[in-house]
Each structure stands twice: as C-alpha cells, then as structure tokens.
Protein backbone atom coordinates (compact mmCIF):
# COMPACT_ATOMS: atom_id res chain seq x y z
CA MET A 1 104.99 71.11 134.13
CA ASP A 2 103.21 71.98 130.88
CA TRP A 3 104.76 75.14 129.35
CA ASP A 4 101.56 75.79 127.42
CA ASN A 5 99.69 76.10 130.72
CA LEU A 6 102.36 78.49 131.97
CA ARG A 7 102.02 80.56 128.80
CA ILE A 8 98.28 80.82 129.42
CA PHE A 9 98.93 81.68 133.07
CA LEU A 10 101.20 84.56 131.95
CA SER A 11 98.51 85.94 129.66
CA VAL A 12 95.83 85.81 132.36
CA ALA A 13 98.14 87.39 134.95
CA ARG A 14 98.99 90.24 132.57
CA ALA A 15 95.48 90.78 131.23
CA GLY A 16 93.72 90.42 134.59
CA GLN A 17 90.84 88.58 132.91
CA PHE A 18 90.22 85.17 131.40
CA VAL A 19 88.24 86.65 128.51
CA ALA A 20 90.92 89.25 127.67
CA ALA A 21 93.62 86.58 127.81
CA SER A 22 91.60 84.28 125.55
CA LYS A 23 91.35 87.04 122.94
CA GLN A 24 95.10 87.63 123.05
CA LEU A 25 95.79 83.89 122.80
CA ARG A 26 92.99 83.34 120.25
CA ILE A 27 91.54 80.41 122.13
CA ASP A 28 88.17 79.91 123.83
CA HIS A 29 87.94 81.48 127.29
CA ALA A 30 86.54 78.21 128.67
CA THR A 31 89.76 76.52 127.54
CA VAL A 32 91.75 79.20 129.37
CA GLY A 33 89.77 78.47 132.53
CA ARG A 34 90.36 74.71 132.22
CA ARG A 35 94.09 75.18 131.67
CA ILE A 36 94.41 77.43 134.72
CA THR A 37 92.47 74.95 136.83
CA ALA A 38 94.75 72.15 135.61
CA LEU A 39 97.82 74.21 136.49
CA GLU A 40 96.48 74.97 139.96
CA GLN A 41 95.75 71.30 140.54
CA SER A 42 99.21 70.24 139.38
CA LEU A 43 100.80 72.74 141.78
CA ASN A 44 98.24 72.16 144.54
CA ALA A 45 98.00 75.95 144.88
CA LYS A 46 95.43 78.62 144.15
CA LEU A 47 96.93 81.10 141.69
CA PHE A 48 94.07 83.59 141.15
CA GLU A 49 91.29 85.17 143.15
CA ARG A 50 88.34 85.10 140.77
CA ARG A 51 85.93 88.03 140.80
CA THR A 52 83.11 89.18 138.54
CA THR A 53 85.31 91.99 137.21
CA GLY A 54 88.38 89.84 136.58
CA VAL A 55 91.11 88.04 138.49
CA SER A 56 93.97 89.01 140.77
CA LEU A 57 97.06 87.03 141.71
CA THR A 58 97.29 85.25 145.03
CA ALA A 59 100.59 85.10 146.91
CA ALA A 60 101.32 81.78 145.19
CA GLY A 61 100.39 83.29 141.83
CA THR A 62 102.73 86.23 142.38
CA LYS A 63 105.63 83.85 143.09
CA LEU A 64 104.81 81.77 140.02
CA LEU A 65 104.60 84.91 137.86
CA ALA A 66 108.14 85.95 138.82
CA SER A 67 109.48 82.47 138.06
CA THR A 68 107.57 82.15 134.80
CA GLU A 69 108.75 85.55 133.56
CA ARG A 70 112.34 84.44 134.21
CA ILE A 71 111.70 81.30 132.15
CA GLU A 72 110.12 83.42 129.41
CA SER A 73 113.10 85.80 129.42
CA GLU A 74 115.57 82.94 129.11
CA TRP A 75 113.55 81.41 126.29
CA LEU A 76 113.40 84.71 124.40
CA GLN A 77 117.14 85.16 124.82
CA THR A 78 117.78 81.59 123.68
CA GLN A 79 115.65 82.24 120.60
CA ALA A 80 117.74 85.31 119.85
CA ASP A 81 121.04 83.49 120.43
CA LEU A 82 120.09 80.54 118.21
CA THR A 83 118.57 82.56 115.39
CA ASP A 84 120.78 82.73 112.31
CA THR A 85 121.03 86.38 111.23
CA ASN A 86 120.62 85.24 107.62
CA VAL A 87 117.21 83.75 108.30
CA GLU A 88 114.41 85.97 106.97
CA LEU A 89 112.68 87.88 109.75
CA SER A 90 109.04 87.07 110.43
CA GLY A 91 106.28 87.60 112.95
CA ALA A 92 104.34 90.54 114.36
CA VAL A 93 105.81 93.61 116.03
CA ARG A 94 103.31 95.73 117.94
CA ILE A 95 104.16 99.39 118.55
CA GLY A 96 102.36 101.58 121.08
CA ALA A 97 102.61 105.26 120.16
CA PRO A 98 100.81 108.59 120.69
CA ASP A 99 97.98 108.99 118.20
CA GLY A 100 99.44 112.02 116.42
CA PHE A 101 102.83 110.39 115.92
CA SER A 102 101.34 107.05 114.85
CA THR A 103 98.83 108.59 112.43
CA TYR A 104 100.97 111.30 110.84
CA TYR A 105 104.42 109.70 110.96
CA LEU A 106 104.52 105.98 111.73
CA ALA A 107 101.76 105.16 109.24
CA ARG A 108 103.94 106.76 106.55
CA GLY A 109 107.26 105.46 107.84
CA PHE A 110 107.21 101.71 107.18
CA LYS A 111 106.77 101.52 103.42
CA ASN A 112 110.38 100.51 102.70
CA PHE A 113 110.56 98.30 105.78
CA CYS A 114 107.55 96.27 104.65
CA ILE A 115 109.13 95.80 101.22
CA ILE A 116 112.43 94.60 102.71
CA HIS A 117 110.78 92.43 105.41
CA PRO A 118 107.50 91.18 103.91
CA ASP A 119 107.06 88.52 106.59
CA VAL A 120 107.12 91.01 109.48
CA THR A 121 103.70 92.43 110.36
CA ILE A 122 103.74 95.92 111.87
CA GLN A 123 100.88 96.62 114.30
CA ILE A 124 100.36 100.13 115.68
CA VAL A 125 98.14 100.78 118.72
CA PRO A 126 97.37 104.11 120.43
CA MET A 127 97.85 105.40 123.99
CA PRO A 128 101.21 103.86 124.99
CA GLN A 129 101.81 103.12 128.66
CA LEU A 130 104.75 101.35 130.24
CA ILE A 131 102.33 98.92 131.89
CA MET A 132 101.49 97.71 128.36
CA LEU A 133 105.16 96.85 127.88
CA ASN A 134 105.36 95.02 131.20
CA LYS A 135 102.27 93.01 130.31
CA ARG A 136 103.66 92.26 126.83
CA GLU A 137 100.65 93.91 125.21
CA VAL A 138 103.09 95.73 122.95
CA ASP A 139 106.69 95.05 121.90
CA ILE A 140 107.86 98.65 121.46
CA ILE A 141 106.63 101.89 122.96
CA ILE A 142 107.17 105.42 121.69
CA THR A 143 106.72 107.59 124.76
CA LEU A 144 106.90 111.28 125.60
CA GLU A 145 108.92 110.77 128.76
CA LYS A 146 111.98 108.67 129.50
CA PRO A 147 111.14 105.94 132.03
CA GLU A 148 113.08 106.38 135.25
CA SER A 149 112.82 102.79 136.46
CA GLY A 150 112.01 99.28 135.28
CA ARG A 151 113.73 96.69 133.11
CA PHE A 152 113.61 98.77 129.95
CA VAL A 153 116.05 99.62 127.19
CA THR A 154 115.50 103.24 126.22
CA ARG A 155 116.82 105.42 123.42
CA LYS A 156 115.97 108.99 122.52
CA LEU A 157 114.42 109.18 119.06
CA THR A 158 114.19 112.93 118.51
CA ASN A 159 113.17 116.29 119.85
CA TYR A 160 110.11 117.79 118.22
CA SER A 161 108.51 121.22 118.25
CA LEU A 162 104.93 122.45 118.57
CA GLY A 163 103.33 125.76 117.72
CA ILE A 164 99.98 127.52 117.52
CA TYR A 165 98.04 127.15 114.27
CA GLY A 166 94.77 128.18 112.72
CA ALA A 167 93.08 127.35 109.43
CA LYS A 168 93.29 129.77 106.49
CA THR A 169 89.50 129.75 106.35
CA TYR A 170 89.34 130.71 110.03
CA PHE A 171 91.35 133.86 109.37
CA GLU A 172 88.94 134.94 106.65
CA THR A 173 86.61 136.03 109.46
CA HIS A 174 89.02 136.39 112.43
CA PRO A 175 92.09 138.58 112.93
CA VAL A 176 95.51 136.92 113.07
CA PRO A 177 96.83 137.26 116.64
CA LYS A 178 99.87 139.52 116.88
CA THR A 179 100.55 139.21 120.61
CA GLN A 180 100.02 136.63 123.32
CA SER A 181 97.13 138.59 124.80
CA ASP A 182 95.33 138.41 121.42
CA LEU A 183 94.75 134.70 122.09
CA LEU A 184 92.07 135.70 124.58
CA ASP A 185 89.93 136.84 121.64
CA HIS A 186 89.92 133.41 120.00
CA CYS A 187 88.44 129.99 120.68
CA LEU A 188 91.37 127.81 121.73
CA VAL A 189 91.49 124.07 121.13
CA GLY A 190 93.08 121.90 123.83
CA TYR A 191 93.24 118.51 125.54
CA VAL A 192 90.75 116.89 127.88
CA GLU A 193 92.78 117.03 131.06
CA ASP A 194 91.74 113.64 132.44
CA HIS A 195 92.92 111.92 129.24
CA ALA A 196 96.15 113.76 128.52
CA PHE A 197 99.79 112.93 129.15
CA PRO A 198 101.29 115.28 131.77
CA SER A 199 103.80 116.74 129.29
CA THR A 200 100.97 117.38 126.83
CA LEU A 201 99.19 119.63 129.30
CA GLU A 202 102.43 121.40 130.07
CA TYR A 203 103.03 122.52 126.50
CA VAL A 204 99.40 123.60 126.02
CA ARG A 205 99.58 125.70 129.17
CA GLU A 206 103.01 126.97 128.16
CA LEU A 207 101.90 128.20 124.75
CA TYR A 208 98.50 129.51 125.81
CA GLU A 209 99.86 130.96 129.07
CA GLY A 210 96.73 129.99 130.92
CA ALA A 211 94.24 131.29 128.37
CA LYS A 212 91.01 129.28 128.60
CA THR A 213 90.34 126.55 126.05
CA GLY A 214 86.89 126.59 124.47
CA PHE A 215 87.03 123.20 122.79
CA GLU A 216 88.82 120.11 124.12
CA CYS A 217 89.51 116.76 122.50
CA ALA A 218 91.25 113.73 123.98
CA ASN A 219 93.52 113.09 121.01
CA ALA A 220 95.80 115.01 118.67
CA VAL A 221 93.99 113.85 115.54
CA GLY A 222 90.68 115.27 116.76
CA GLN A 223 92.30 118.56 117.73
CA LEU A 224 93.90 118.89 114.31
CA GLU A 225 90.57 118.29 112.59
CA ALA A 226 88.88 120.87 114.84
CA VAL A 227 91.50 123.46 113.89
CA LYS A 228 91.31 122.60 110.20
CA CYS A 229 87.53 123.04 110.09
CA GLY A 230 87.81 126.52 111.62
CA MET A 231 86.83 125.77 115.22
CA GLY A 232 89.64 128.00 116.49
CA LEU A 233 93.38 128.00 117.21
CA GLY A 234 95.23 124.90 118.42
CA VAL A 235 98.63 123.63 119.46
CA ILE A 236 99.84 121.40 116.63
CA HIS A 237 103.05 119.42 116.21
CA ASP A 238 105.11 121.22 113.57
CA TYR A 239 105.93 117.99 111.73
CA ILE A 240 102.18 117.32 111.45
CA ALA A 241 101.39 120.86 110.30
CA HIS A 242 104.14 120.41 107.69
CA HIS A 243 101.72 118.18 105.73
CA HIS A 244 98.75 120.57 105.93
CA LEU A 245 99.10 123.61 103.70
CA ASP A 246 95.70 124.93 104.82
CA LEU A 247 97.16 125.81 108.25
CA VAL A 248 98.71 129.13 109.28
CA HIS A 249 101.42 129.27 111.94
CA VAL A 250 100.69 132.16 114.30
CA LEU A 251 102.99 133.71 116.90
CA PRO A 252 105.85 131.60 115.47
CA ALA A 253 108.26 132.76 118.16
CA ARG A 254 106.19 130.79 120.66
CA ARG A 255 107.30 127.16 120.40
CA ALA A 256 107.42 124.21 122.76
CA ILE A 257 110.12 121.53 122.48
CA ARG A 258 109.47 117.98 123.61
CA SER A 259 111.02 114.55 122.95
CA TYR A 260 110.09 111.08 121.77
CA TRP A 261 111.73 108.03 123.32
CA ILE A 262 111.74 104.48 122.01
CA VAL A 263 111.41 101.87 124.76
CA ILE A 264 111.53 98.07 124.71
CA HIS A 265 111.55 95.53 127.50
CA GLU A 266 115.02 94.29 128.36
CA ASP A 267 113.98 90.72 127.54
CA MET A 268 113.13 91.66 123.94
CA ARG A 269 116.35 93.43 122.97
CA GLY A 270 117.89 90.35 121.32
CA LEU A 271 114.96 89.45 119.07
CA GLY A 272 115.80 90.06 115.44
CA ARG A 273 112.45 91.49 114.37
CA ILE A 274 112.39 93.91 117.33
CA LYS A 275 115.92 95.10 116.63
CA ALA A 276 115.12 95.50 112.93
CA VAL A 277 112.09 97.70 113.66
CA CYS A 278 113.95 99.81 116.23
CA ASP A 279 116.90 100.33 113.87
CA HIS A 280 114.53 101.28 111.05
CA LEU A 281 112.76 103.87 113.19
CA VAL A 282 116.00 105.41 114.40
CA ASP A 283 117.39 105.65 110.85
CA LYS A 284 114.13 106.96 109.37
CA ILE A 285 113.75 109.69 111.97
CA GLU A 286 117.38 110.70 111.51
CA GLN A 287 116.69 111.10 107.78
CA ASP A 288 113.59 113.18 108.54
CA SER A 289 115.15 115.22 111.35
CA HIS A 290 114.50 118.49 109.49
CA ILE A 291 110.71 118.19 109.93
CA PHE A 292 110.75 117.63 113.69
CA VAL A 293 112.50 120.76 115.05
C-alpha cells in the first residue's frame, strides 16, 4: 500500500474536505481526489461519503483512519528514536494560542529561540481547540482549560491575573469608579458570548458582577484597542496592561485568576523540535512569572 496515499487520506479525513486537505498538503485538489480514488480501488472499499459541503468517513474509512493513525504514531516515534540529539533541529512548529497571549506574549517570546534554532519555523495561529490538535492542524496548543480526556500530554504553564482598566484619556471626562456599583455608570467592554471561551465569560461576569456590557468584541486584541481609544472600561490581562502605560487599573482589589496550559498530542512528545519549543516556553514563562500574577 502506498504510504503517500495514506498520508493524503489522513489529511482529507482530518480536514473533512478535499480542497482544505490540498491546501495543507500544497498539492492540487484534483490530485488529492485521484489519490483517494486510487486508495479506494486498491482496498476495494469506499472510504468517504462525498457531499457538496465536504466529505465524511464511511465505516471502512473510520477503520482505516484508526489503523493509519497508529502507523503515523509509530513513524513519529521512530523518527524521534533515530534522531541524533546533536543534529540541528529543523522544520515548522505550529502553535495554537488565544489571541491576547499570542499577540502580546508569544510574538515577543521567541527572539532568542529563533537565534539558537534558525532552521525551526515558529507558526502561531489563533483560536486554539483540542480538535485542531487531534486533526494535526497544530502541533502545540496553549489552552485556558486542562483537557480532561484524550491522548494528550499536558503541563501547566502559569496562572495569570486580570483586572478592570480604562484609558487615561477616558478619565479626563469620566469619574474613576470607587465601588463596584460605580461600574453601572460606565460603558463596559466585553466578549461576544457566542465566540468566547467559557472561562472568559466567567471572569468577565465575575469582575463586572452582572453589569451590562455596552460594547462587545470577539477577541482580546479588539477589546484592548476599544479600551485604549476611550470606549469605556474593560477586563484586561494584567501582563498585557503591563506594556500599556496609557491604561489605568481601577478597583485593583477586584482580580480574576486563570491559568494557561500547554498541550501536545501524545504522539508528538518525542519529536525534538516540539520538545525544544515546549521547553523554551516553560523556561521563558518561568523567567517572566512576575508579570503574570
């Protein structure tokens, strides 16, 4: 059986579309279709139900997926076992992380790593979900909640704190709140509920105590910009606010504490470049622990 066809099968099964798989593999989607057809013919089995919106696995496809993932896992482990630790690391490592953390910490945190490992390409993508890890869309995920199940290796990175902030320019025309009830007199910036992580909503509700938000944005970067331009008050990560001297921390006794977790798929734990990135992140955050809580 042609391993290249199996590799394409894995990509289609995980992407749920021929076109999406072709983009990931960087080959023409017609070639993907021909390879899948060839694989089905060689096995004398239909692997996908084809629809206008994408594809779904048949019973035979589901069985093949389980077998192929075992082969992939063994191959990845063999790569790790045979790799000389003195060989220079190379290849891409894709990290899925919340937008605030990726923009205001990760983007700053790999300068030394890239100097030491010039042949490793760091790729950062937003909106991490464990399904992305299962589908191999990312190699590492920074998540807000520890996964309770699945074949994952998980390590706590750090606790972090959040508080309520407003721009200095905002307080030129608005009073600084002295009590929780004073928040009712201000426009509050929050998350769009349908696009927020559950723990995100919890800390917004916790700090605002149910006070109505007047402006909502689906990401932390947008919320920060809204606060900075004087839209109103917002819940900002303290380590992010640390870099913005134009912000004023109000009601400082009111803080929310949350955690970041670093998660990789069990099959990837032995790969040198993955281990190098994970170790770098753990060490860097330990050095910067004073800004997080």
